[in-house]
Protein backbone atom coordinates (compact mmCIF):
# COMPACT_ATOMS: atom_id res chain seq x y z
CA UNK A 1 -95.63 53.62 -20.02
CA UNK A 2 -93.08 50.88 -20.66
CA UNK A 3 -95.44 48.26 -19.24
CA UNK A 4 -98.19 49.45 -21.57
CA UNK A 5 -95.92 48.95 -24.59
CA UNK A 6 -95.03 45.44 -23.36
CA UNK A 7 -98.65 44.23 -23.40
CA UNK A 8 -99.29 41.53 -26.02
CA UNK A 9 -102.05 43.54 -27.68
CA UNK A 10 -101.94 44.53 -31.31
CA UNK A 11 -103.26 48.07 -30.93
CA UNK A 12 -103.70 48.45 -34.69
CA UNK A 13 -106.28 45.65 -34.77
CA UNK A 14 -108.39 46.94 -31.90
CA UNK A 15 -111.92 47.72 -33.02
CA UNK A 16 -111.94 51.27 -31.65
CA UNK A 17 -115.51 52.20 -32.65
CA UNK A 18 -116.73 49.14 -30.72
CA UNK A 19 -114.64 50.06 -27.67
CA UNK A 20 -115.84 53.69 -27.73
CA UNK A 21 -119.46 52.58 -28.15
CA UNK A 22 -119.21 50.25 -25.14
CA UNK A 23 -117.51 52.92 -23.03
CA UNK A 24 -120.32 55.36 -23.85
CA UNK A 25 -122.89 52.69 -23.06
CA UNK A 26 -121.29 52.02 -19.66
CA UNK A 27 -121.06 55.76 -18.96
CA UNK A 28 -124.74 56.27 -19.75
CA UNK A 29 -125.77 53.25 -17.66
CA UNK A 30 -123.66 54.51 -14.73
CA UNK A 31 -125.28 57.95 -14.84
CA UNK A 32 -128.76 56.42 -14.92
CA UNK A 33 -127.88 53.91 -12.17
CA UNK A 34 -126.47 56.62 -9.92
CA UNK A 35 -129.52 58.81 -10.50
CA UNK A 36 -131.88 55.95 -9.65
CA UNK A 37 -129.92 55.05 -6.49
CA UNK A 38 -129.81 58.68 -5.24
CA UNK A 39 -126.01 58.62 -4.87
CA UNK A 40 -125.67 55.41 -2.83
CA UNK A 41 -122.57 53.59 -4.08
CA UNK A 42 -123.59 49.92 -3.82
CA UNK A 43 -127.10 50.45 -5.13
CA UNK A 44 -125.82 52.55 -8.02
CA UNK A 45 -123.28 49.87 -8.91
CA UNK A 46 -126.05 47.24 -8.97
CA UNK A 47 -128.30 49.46 -11.10
CA UNK A 48 -125.42 50.26 -13.45
CA UNK A 49 -124.51 46.59 -13.87
CA UNK A 50 -128.13 45.61 -14.57
CA UNK A 51 -128.61 48.48 -17.01
CA UNK A 52 -125.38 47.66 -18.82
CA UNK A 53 -126.24 43.96 -19.06
CA UNK A 54 -129.66 44.82 -20.50
CA UNK A 55 -128.27 47.37 -22.94
CA UNK A 56 -125.42 45.10 -24.03
CA UNK A 57 -127.74 42.15 -24.64
CA UNK A 58 -130.06 44.38 -26.65
CA UNK A 59 -127.14 45.87 -28.59
CA UNK A 60 -125.49 42.55 -29.40
CA UNK A 61 -128.26 39.98 -29.75
CA UNK A 62 -131.49 41.76 -30.66
CA UNK A 63 -132.07 41.88 -34.43
CA UNK A 64 -132.68 45.63 -34.58
CA UNK A 65 -131.06 46.14 -38.03
CA UNK A 66 -129.25 49.29 -36.93
CA UNK A 67 -125.71 49.97 -38.16
CA UNK A 68 -124.15 49.43 -34.73
CA UNK A 69 -120.68 47.95 -34.32
CA UNK A 70 -120.78 44.32 -33.21
CA UNK A 71 -118.23 42.08 -31.58
CA UNK A 72 -115.00 41.24 -33.36
CA UNK A 73 -115.83 37.51 -33.35
CA UNK A 74 -119.10 38.13 -35.20
CA UNK A 75 -117.37 40.27 -37.83
CA UNK A 76 -114.62 37.69 -38.39
CA UNK A 77 -117.21 34.90 -38.67
CA UNK A 78 -119.13 36.93 -41.24
CA UNK A 79 -115.97 37.55 -43.24
CA UNK A 80 -114.96 33.88 -43.29
CA UNK A 81 -118.46 32.71 -44.20
CA UNK A 82 -118.55 34.81 -47.35
CA UNK A 83 -117.98 32.69 -50.43
CA UNK A 84 -115.24 33.71 -52.74
CA UNK A 85 -116.38 34.54 -56.26
CA UNK A 86 -115.80 31.91 -58.91
CA UNK A 87 -112.91 32.58 -61.26
CA UNK A 88 -113.97 33.80 -64.68
CA UNK A 89 -114.40 31.12 -67.32
CA UNK A 90 -112.07 31.06 -70.25
CA UNK A 91 -113.31 30.71 -73.77
CA UNK A 92 -116.33 32.02 -75.62
CA UNK A 93 -119.19 32.72 -73.17
CA UNK A 94 -121.79 32.37 -75.95
CA UNK A 95 -120.68 28.85 -76.83
CA UNK A 96 -121.25 26.05 -74.28
CA UNK A 97 -118.20 24.11 -73.13
CA UNK A 98 -119.77 20.67 -73.53
CA UNK A 99 -120.10 18.80 -76.81
CA UNK A 100 -123.90 18.69 -76.69
CA UNK A 101 -125.50 21.05 -79.13
CA UNK A 102 -128.84 22.63 -78.56
CA UNK A 103 -131.43 23.32 -81.18
CA UNK A 104 -134.41 25.60 -81.08
CA UNK A 105 -137.55 25.57 -83.12
CA UNK A 106 -137.63 28.12 -85.90
CA UNK A 107 -139.67 31.22 -85.24
CA UNK A 108 -142.75 31.25 -87.41
CA UNK A 109 -144.09 34.62 -88.30
CA UNK A 110 -147.85 34.42 -88.31
CA UNK A 111 -149.39 37.36 -90.08
CA UNK A 112 -153.07 38.12 -89.56
CA UNK A 113 -155.28 37.42 -92.60
């Protein structure tokens, strides 16, 4: 247990839903691979690896618009690419800041005759 505590991993920043989702994906792919290989170890490992690679590529790169967790790098890139909102302007919002004044034509009420 002491060696586990000495690892340079910040356990608080681990994306646990992503880790759990990948573990479940590997588990499911292993069950399907073992079933397809009829219990043969090497063949089931090959099937499991191919199934996991296919599922992971679909999960990560296919634009399926499902609320699935994605990689940490993609989330950090999305967070840094968001623009910060502009600070609120000071002064009267109804009055323009520049010295140019605008004029509008008067509204003419045309009544039917």
